[in-house]
Each structure stands twice: as structure tokens, then as C-alpha cells.
Amino acid sequence: MNWVTSEIVTVLTFLLPGFVAAAVFYSLTSHPKPSDAERVIQALIFTIVVQAALKGILLIGGLAGFQTRWSSESETLASVALSIVVALAVVYISNNDFAHGILRVFGVTKETSYPSEWYSAFSEISDQYVVLHLKGERRLYGFPEEWPSDPAKGHFRIAEAQWLTDEETRQLTGIGVILIPVAEVEMVEFVETVLEDDEG
């Protein structure tokens, strides 16, 4: 029975960098968490990348004249630390549409690295105002300081909010920001020009 336990510990130790990298990736991106089986596969892929990078670093270090003998514990710690670096690099590439952006230039794909069209649309705005079309034919204009990653849950945090009607705009005075549940939003308009309130 002890050999079974030691085998499990060995496998988990081997996969640890991959699980750490996957945990970092999903905590810093809006991609939905996959099933358990898919997580194990992703952990294995991350582990292979991390182990290959670690071997490459050791090889380059050896060629440069740095001969270091590592214990299994120090190699595990180094691989976990490297897995965090690898995960942060993948997070940066994913959150900034870096790889897909290059592939789109060459016509390889028309996809983005974002988890949905919703996320893609909001990721491309920097200083644009929005009009939220709410249930009951109400419209709210303002600057989105925060928005939900998931179009089915969460809240918009709107600053400089104004109610829009066919006749006028009405500034919400005395209010810093307003939270609007995404469930109340039927459509989002991205506005290129800044509206002025009735007071100019």
C-alpha cells in the first residue's frame, strides 16, 4: 500500500507546477473554469512547458559554466516558481489578445483570445462612455468604471450617470457612482462623443 501512496505523491509533485500555473491563469483571467478532467490535462500541458523551460535554463546555465546540483525539493520549488512566471506570461498574452492579434494580421484566424464577444467589446474601450438600455425602456448614460466579465451576472459600476429621455438628459446629482445589475440591461451602446447635461 505504501508504494501506491508514494506513486500518488510522485505524480502530484510532478503535476504541482501545472496546477499552480492553471490556478494563477484562471484567477487572473475571465475564462470559465473547465471541468476536472480538463484541468488535469491543462495542468499536464503547463507542467510539460515548465519542465522544458527549467531544463532549458539548467542547460544554458551549464553551458555558461554554472554547474549546480539540485535536490528534488529545490527542483520542485524552482519549477513552482517558474510555473508562476509562465502563467503570468500566458495571462498577459491572453488578456491583451497578443497571440490571436498576430495571427489575425496573417489571416490565420479571425478569433480573439477573449472568453466572449462581450468581454472583447469591453476590453477595447478605454475612455468611452456607454448607454445602458434597461428593462422598461429606460436608458442610463455614463462612464463604466467597472463591468461584469460575465454577461449573465454581476453589476455595472457607472460614474457620471445621466438618465436619457427623448426630450432631455437628467444628471443624477449627489451620486458618485451607481451600480446596475447586468440582468436589468437589455443592450449596451458604446458612445464616441461625451454628452453634456442640461446645465452644460
C-alpha atoms as a PDB file:
ATOM      1  CA  MET A   1       0.000   0.000   0.000  1.00  0.00           C
ATOM      2  CA  ASN A   2       2.930   2.352   0.689  1.00  0.00           C
ATOM      3  CA  TRP A   3       4.110   2.127  -2.914  1.00  0.00           C
ATOM      4  CA  VAL A   4       0.676   3.314  -4.078  1.00  0.00           C
ATOM      5  CA  THR A   5       0.890   6.313  -1.761  1.00  0.00           C
ATOM      6  CA  SER A   6       4.425   7.145  -2.887  1.00  0.00           C
ATOM      7  CA  GLU A   7       3.394   6.865  -6.545  1.00  0.00           C
ATOM      8  CA  ILE A   8       0.482   9.269  -5.955  1.00  0.00           C
ATOM      9  CA  VAL A   9       2.781  11.721  -4.162  1.00  0.00           C
ATOM     10  CA  THR A  10       5.288  11.498  -7.023  1.00  0.00           C
ATOM     11  CA  VAL A  11       2.601  12.172  -9.649  1.00  0.00           C
ATOM     12  CA  LEU A  12       1.137  15.087  -7.669  1.00  0.00           C
ATOM     13  CA  THR A  13       4.610  16.552  -7.130  1.00  0.00           C
ATOM     14  CA  PHE A  14       5.275  16.267 -10.863  1.00  0.00           C
ATOM     15  CA  LEU A  15       1.938  17.958 -11.706  1.00  0.00           C
ATOM     16  CA  LEU A  16       2.192  20.616  -8.975  1.00  0.00           C
ATOM     17  CA  PRO A  17       3.723  23.312 -11.235  1.00  0.00           C
ATOM     18  CA  GLY A  18       0.939  22.748 -13.765  1.00  0.00           C
ATOM     19  CA  PHE A  19      -1.796  23.052 -11.155  1.00  0.00           C
ATOM     20  CA  VAL A  20      -0.184  26.221  -9.759  1.00  0.00           C
ATOM     21  CA  ALA A  21       0.070  27.723 -13.263  1.00  0.00           C
ATOM     22  CA  ALA A  22      -3.554  26.839 -14.056  1.00  0.00           C
ATOM     23  CA  ALA A  23      -4.719  28.347 -10.744  1.00  0.00           C
ATOM     24  CA  VAL A  24      -2.856  31.594 -11.476  1.00  0.00           C
ATOM     25  CA  PHE A  25      -4.233  31.697 -15.030  1.00  0.00           C
ATOM     26  CA  TYR A  26      -7.876  31.254 -14.020  1.00  0.00           C
ATOM     27  CA  SER A  27      -7.622  33.673 -11.111  1.00  0.00           C
ATOM     28  CA  LEU A  28      -6.298  36.466 -13.362  1.00  0.00           C
ATOM     29  CA  THR A  29      -8.421  35.943 -16.484  1.00  0.00           C
ATOM     30  CA  SER A  30     -12.141  35.789 -17.158  1.00  0.00           C
ATOM     31  CA  HIS A  31     -12.020  32.419 -18.877  1.00  0.00           C
ATOM     32  CA  PRO A  32     -14.529  29.962 -17.374  1.00  0.00           C
ATOM     33  CA  LYS A  33     -13.020  27.230 -15.243  1.00  0.00           C
ATOM     34  CA  PRO A  34     -13.024  23.888 -17.088  1.00  0.00           C
ATOM     35  CA  SER A  35     -14.148  20.506 -15.802  1.00  0.00           C
ATOM     36  CA  ASP A  36     -11.886  18.450 -13.527  1.00  0.00           C
ATOM     37  CA  ALA A  37     -10.667  16.260 -16.403  1.00  0.00           C
ATOM     38  CA  GLU A  38      -9.805  19.314 -18.496  1.00  0.00           C
ATOM     39  CA  ARG A  39      -7.992  20.868 -15.533  1.00  0.00           C
ATOM     40  CA  VAL A  40      -5.771  17.797 -15.225  1.00  0.00           C
ATOM     41  CA  ILE A  41      -4.975  17.962 -18.957  1.00  0.00           C
ATOM     42  CA  GLN A  42      -4.175  21.679 -18.710  1.00  0.00           C
ATOM     43  CA  ALA A  43      -2.045  21.050 -15.632  1.00  0.00           C
ATOM     44  CA  LEU A  44      -0.148  18.416 -17.597  1.00  0.00           C
ATOM     45  CA  ILE A  45       0.402  20.826 -20.507  1.00  0.00           C
ATOM     46  CA  PHE A  46       1.596  23.581 -18.156  1.00  0.00           C
ATOM     47  CA  THR A  47       3.842  21.050 -16.393  1.00  0.00           C
ATOM     48  CA  ILE A  48       5.476  19.997 -19.669  1.00  0.00           C
ATOM     49  CA  VAL A  49       6.084  23.644 -20.624  1.00  0.00           C
ATOM     50  CA  VAL A  50       7.516  24.459 -17.182  1.00  0.00           C
ATOM     51  CA  GLN A  51       9.733  21.354 -17.088  1.00  0.00           C
ATOM     52  CA  ALA A  52      11.027  22.082 -20.590  1.00  0.00           C
ATOM     53  CA  ALA A  53      11.761  25.705 -19.624  1.00  0.00           C
ATOM     54  CA  LEU A  54      13.514  24.578 -16.437  1.00  0.00           C
ATOM     55  CA  LYS A  55      15.661  22.080 -18.345  1.00  0.00           C
ATOM     56  CA  GLY A  56      16.491  24.811 -20.855  1.00  0.00           C
ATOM     57  CA  ILE A  57      17.545  27.188 -18.083  1.00  0.00           C
ATOM     58  CA  LEU A  58      19.723  24.498 -16.492  1.00  0.00           C
ATOM     59  CA  LEU A  59      21.253  23.674 -19.891  1.00  0.00           C
ATOM     60  CA  ILE A  60      22.037  27.323 -20.586  1.00  0.00           C
ATOM     61  CA  GLY A  61      23.446  27.639 -17.068  1.00  0.00           C
ATOM     62  CA  GLY A  62      25.612  24.577 -17.661  1.00  0.00           C
ATOM     63  CA  LEU A  63      26.898  25.966 -20.962  1.00  0.00           C
ATOM     64  CA  ALA A  64      27.676  29.239 -19.206  1.00  0.00           C
ATOM     65  CA  GLY A  65      29.763  27.370 -16.639  1.00  0.00           C
ATOM     66  CA  PHE A  66      27.291  27.243 -13.740  1.00  0.00           C
ATOM     67  CA  GLN A  67      27.315  23.651 -12.550  1.00  0.00           C
ATOM     68  CA  THR A  68      24.654  23.261  -9.875  1.00  0.00           C
ATOM     69  CA  ARG A  69      23.412  20.065  -8.302  1.00  0.00           C
ATOM     70  CA  TRP A  70      19.807  20.428  -7.221  1.00  0.00           C
ATOM     71  CA  SER A  71      17.976  18.298  -4.720  1.00  0.00           C
ATOM     72  CA  SER A  72      14.476  17.110  -5.639  1.00  0.00           C
ATOM     73  CA  GLU A  73      12.997  19.628  -3.173  1.00  0.00           C
ATOM     74  CA  SER A  74      14.883  22.578  -4.655  1.00  0.00           C
ATOM     75  CA  GLU A  75      13.952  21.475  -8.186  1.00  0.00           C
ATOM     76  CA  THR A  76      10.285  21.299  -7.153  1.00  0.00           C
ATOM     77  CA  LEU A  77      10.458  24.799  -5.645  1.00  0.00           C
ATOM     78  CA  ALA A  78      12.187  26.143  -8.748  1.00  0.00           C
ATOM     79  CA  SER A  79       9.592  24.550 -11.029  1.00  0.00           C
ATOM     80  CA  VAL A  80       6.729  26.036  -8.959  1.00  0.00           C
ATOM     81  CA  ALA A  81       8.344  29.484  -9.062  1.00  0.00           C
ATOM     82  CA  LEU A  82       8.877  29.131 -12.813  1.00  0.00           C
ATOM     83  CA  SER A  83       5.270  27.980 -13.237  1.00  0.00           C
ATOM     84  CA  ILE A  84       4.084  31.288 -11.756  1.00  0.00           C
ATOM     85  CA  VAL A  85       6.250  33.214 -14.227  1.00  0.00           C
ATOM     86  CA  VAL A  86       4.971  31.097 -17.143  1.00  0.00           C
ATOM     87  CA  ALA A  87       1.366  31.546 -16.001  1.00  0.00           C
ATOM     88  CA  LEU A  88       1.763  35.326 -15.712  1.00  0.00           C
ATOM     89  CA  ALA A  89       3.174  35.412 -19.244  1.00  0.00           C
ATOM     90  CA  VAL A  90       0.218  33.389 -20.547  1.00  0.00           C
ATOM     91  CA  VAL A  91      -2.193  35.658 -18.624  1.00  0.00           C
ATOM     92  CA  TYR A  92      -0.615  38.730 -20.239  1.00  0.00           C
ATOM     93  CA  ILE A  93      -0.831  37.173 -23.719  1.00  0.00           C
ATOM     94  CA  SER A  94      -4.451  36.135 -23.157  1.00  0.00           C
ATOM     95  CA  ASN A  95      -5.701  39.351 -21.534  1.00  0.00           C
ATOM     96  CA  ASN A  96      -4.129  41.514 -24.240  1.00  0.00           C
ATOM     97  CA  ASP A  97      -5.137  39.380 -27.244  1.00  0.00           C
ATOM     98  CA  PHE A  98      -1.450  39.220 -28.161  1.00  0.00           C
ATOM     99  CA  ALA A  99      -1.144  35.830 -29.906  1.00  0.00           C
ATOM    100  CA  HIS A 100      -4.512  35.991 -31.661  1.00  0.00           C
ATOM    101  CA  GLY A 101      -3.790  39.579 -32.714  1.00  0.00           C
ATOM    102  CA  ILE A 102      -0.623  38.480 -34.522  1.00  0.00           C
ATOM    103  CA  LEU A 103      -2.409  35.517 -36.109  1.00  0.00           C
ATOM    104  CA  ARG A 104      -5.217  37.802 -37.320  1.00  0.00           C
ATOM    105  CA  VAL A 105      -2.664  40.009 -39.077  1.00  0.00           C
ATOM    106  CA  PHE A 106      -1.521  36.996 -41.110  1.00  0.00           C
ATOM    107  CA  GLY A 107      -5.096  35.864 -41.768  1.00  0.00           C
ATOM    108  CA  VAL A 108      -4.706  32.626 -39.806  1.00  0.00           C
ATOM    109  CA  THR A 109      -7.765  33.289 -37.636  1.00  0.00           C
ATOM    110  CA  LYS A 110     -10.478  35.830 -37.010  1.00  0.00           C
ATOM    111  CA  GLU A 111     -10.892  34.793 -33.362  1.00  0.00           C
ATOM    112  CA  THR A 112      -9.691  36.671 -30.288  1.00  0.00           C
ATOM    113  CA  SER A 113      -8.194  35.287 -27.093  1.00  0.00           C
ATOM    114  CA  TYR A 114     -11.035  36.772 -25.042  1.00  0.00           C
ATOM    115  CA  PRO A 115     -13.599  34.413 -23.488  1.00  0.00           C
ATOM    116  CA  SER A 116     -16.601  36.043 -25.243  1.00  0.00           C
ATOM    117  CA  GLU A 117     -17.675  38.834 -27.591  1.00  0.00           C
ATOM    118  CA  TRP A 118     -18.960  40.679 -24.524  1.00  0.00           C
ATOM    119  CA  TYR A 119     -15.525  40.661 -22.916  1.00  0.00           C
ATOM    120  CA  SER A 120     -13.876  41.547 -26.228  1.00  0.00           C
ATOM    121  CA  ALA A 121     -16.083  44.608 -26.733  1.00  0.00           C
ATOM    122  CA  PHE A 122     -15.425  45.976 -23.241  1.00  0.00           C
ATOM    123  CA  SER A 123     -11.700  45.221 -23.371  1.00  0.00           C
ATOM    124  CA  GLU A 124     -11.315  47.516 -26.375  1.00  0.00           C
ATOM    125  CA  ILE A 125     -12.776  50.600 -24.689  1.00  0.00           C
ATOM    126  CA  SER A 126     -10.572  52.859 -22.621  1.00  0.00           C
ATOM    127  CA  ASP A 127     -12.322  56.181 -22.166  1.00  0.00           C
ATOM    128  CA  GLN A 128     -15.620  55.562 -23.942  1.00  0.00           C
ATOM    129  CA  TYR A 129     -18.968  56.267 -22.324  1.00  0.00           C
ATOM    130  CA  VAL A 130     -21.872  53.846 -22.613  1.00  0.00           C
ATOM    131  CA  VAL A 131     -25.642  53.925 -22.767  1.00  0.00           C
ATOM    132  CA  LEU A 132     -27.276  51.062 -20.912  1.00  0.00           C
ATOM    133  CA  HIS A 133     -30.707  50.192 -22.295  1.00  0.00           C
ATOM    134  CA  LEU A 134     -32.549  48.881 -19.259  1.00  0.00           C
ATOM    135  CA  LYS A 135     -35.751  46.943 -18.937  1.00  0.00           C
ATOM    136  CA  GLY A 136     -38.816  49.175 -19.071  1.00  0.00           C
ATOM    137  CA  GLU A 137     -37.348  51.266 -21.910  1.00  0.00           C
ATOM    138  CA  ARG A 138     -35.102  53.272 -19.589  1.00  0.00           C
ATOM    139  CA  ARG A 139     -31.689  54.459 -20.726  1.00  0.00           C
ATOM    140  CA  LEU A 140     -28.737  55.284 -18.493  1.00  0.00           C
ATOM    141  CA  TYR A 141     -25.693  57.126 -19.795  1.00  0.00           C
ATOM    142  CA  GLY A 142     -22.363  57.247 -18.001  1.00  0.00           C
ATOM    143  CA  PHE A 143     -18.759  56.150 -17.732  1.00  0.00           C
ATOM    144  CA  PRO A 144     -18.256  52.435 -16.977  1.00  0.00           C
ATOM    145  CA  GLU A 145     -15.642  52.249 -14.226  1.00  0.00           C
ATOM    146  CA  GLU A 146     -16.257  48.507 -13.902  1.00  0.00           C
ATOM    147  CA  TRP A 147     -18.317  45.989 -15.811  1.00  0.00           C
ATOM    148  CA  PRO A 148     -19.074  42.292 -15.338  1.00  0.00           C
ATOM    149  CA  SER A 149     -16.891  39.749 -17.101  1.00  0.00           C
ATOM    150  CA  ASP A 150     -19.914  37.513 -17.500  1.00  0.00           C
ATOM    151  CA  PRO A 151     -22.911  38.956 -19.406  1.00  0.00           C
ATOM    152  CA  ALA A 152     -25.254  36.874 -17.240  1.00  0.00           C
ATOM    153  CA  LYS A 153     -24.191  38.016 -13.762  1.00  0.00           C
ATOM    154  CA  GLY A 154     -22.587  40.911 -11.979  1.00  0.00           C
ATOM    155  CA  HIS A 155     -23.016  44.686 -11.959  1.00  0.00           C
ATOM    156  CA  PHE A 156     -22.022  47.739 -13.960  1.00  0.00           C
ATOM    157  CA  ARG A 157     -20.379  50.487 -11.923  1.00  0.00           C
ATOM    158  CA  ILE A 158     -21.359  53.699 -13.711  1.00  0.00           C
ATOM    159  CA  ALA A 159     -19.899  57.124 -12.896  1.00  0.00           C
ATOM    160  CA  GLU A 160     -21.242  60.495 -14.126  1.00  0.00           C
ATOM    161  CA  ALA A 161     -24.611  58.819 -14.637  1.00  0.00           C
ATOM    162  CA  GLN A 162     -27.451  60.536 -16.509  1.00  0.00           C
ATOM    163  CA  TRP A 163     -30.925  59.313 -17.360  1.00  0.00           C
ATOM    164  CA  LEU A 164     -31.711  59.787 -21.033  1.00  0.00           C
ATOM    165  CA  THR A 165     -35.172  60.538 -22.365  1.00  0.00           C
ATOM    166  CA  ASP A 166     -36.351  61.656 -25.789  1.00  0.00           C
ATOM    167  CA  GLU A 167     -36.548  65.258 -24.576  1.00  0.00           C
ATOM    168  CA  GLU A 168     -33.606  65.714 -22.183  1.00  0.00           C
ATOM    169  CA  THR A 169     -30.772  64.304 -20.153  1.00  0.00           C
ATOM    170  CA  ARG A 170     -31.112  64.300 -16.366  1.00  0.00           C
ATOM    171  CA  GLN A 171     -27.916  64.254 -14.303  1.00  0.00           C
ATOM    172  CA  LEU A 172     -28.067  62.166 -11.131  1.00  0.00           C
ATOM    173  CA  THR A 173     -26.879  64.848  -8.704  1.00  0.00           C
ATOM    174  CA  GLY A 174     -25.308  63.959  -5.401  1.00  0.00           C
ATOM    175  CA  ILE A 175     -24.425  60.455  -6.599  1.00  0.00           C
ATOM    176  CA  GLY A 176     -20.829  59.396  -7.149  1.00  0.00           C
ATOM    177  CA  VAL A 177     -21.418  56.048  -8.835  1.00  0.00           C
ATOM    178  CA  ILE A 178     -24.391  53.793  -9.432  1.00  0.00           C
ATOM    179  CA  LEU A 179     -24.456  50.003  -9.585  1.00  0.00           C
ATOM    180  CA  ILE A 180     -26.711  48.448 -12.214  1.00  0.00           C
ATOM    181  CA  PRO A 181     -27.339  44.674 -12.236  1.00  0.00           C
ATOM    182  CA  VAL A 182     -26.440  43.211 -15.619  1.00  0.00           C
ATOM    183  CA  ALA A 183     -29.719  41.276 -15.511  1.00  0.00           C
ATOM    184  CA  GLU A 184     -31.511  44.624 -15.949  1.00  0.00           C
ATOM    185  CA  VAL A 185     -29.546  45.517 -19.096  1.00  0.00           C
ATOM    186  CA  GLU A 186     -31.002  44.609 -22.484  1.00  0.00           C
ATOM    187  CA  MET A 187     -28.423  46.346 -24.700  1.00  0.00           C
ATOM    188  CA  VAL A 188     -25.207  48.349 -24.377  1.00  0.00           C
ATOM    189  CA  GLU A 189     -24.270  51.260 -26.653  1.00  0.00           C
ATOM    190  CA  PHE A 190     -20.671  52.466 -26.815  1.00  0.00           C
ATOM    191  CA  VAL A 191     -20.746  56.244 -27.266  1.00  0.00           C
ATOM    192  CA  GLU A 192     -17.971  58.063 -29.127  1.00  0.00           C
ATOM    193  CA  THR A 193     -18.937  61.581 -28.036  1.00  0.00           C
ATOM    194  CA  VAL A 194     -19.412  62.862 -24.497  1.00  0.00           C
ATOM    195  CA  LEU A 195     -22.925  64.127 -23.759  1.00  0.00           C
ATOM    196  CA  GLU A 196     -23.473  67.258 -21.743  1.00  0.00           C
ATOM    197  CA  ASP A 197     -26.124  67.577 -19.070  1.00  0.00           C
ATOM    198  CA  ASP A 198     -28.822  70.272 -19.032  1.00  0.00           C
ATOM    199  CA  GLU A 199     -26.514  72.619 -17.114  1.00  0.00           C
ATOM    200  CA  GLY A 200     -23.907  72.375 -19.898  1.00  0.00           C
END
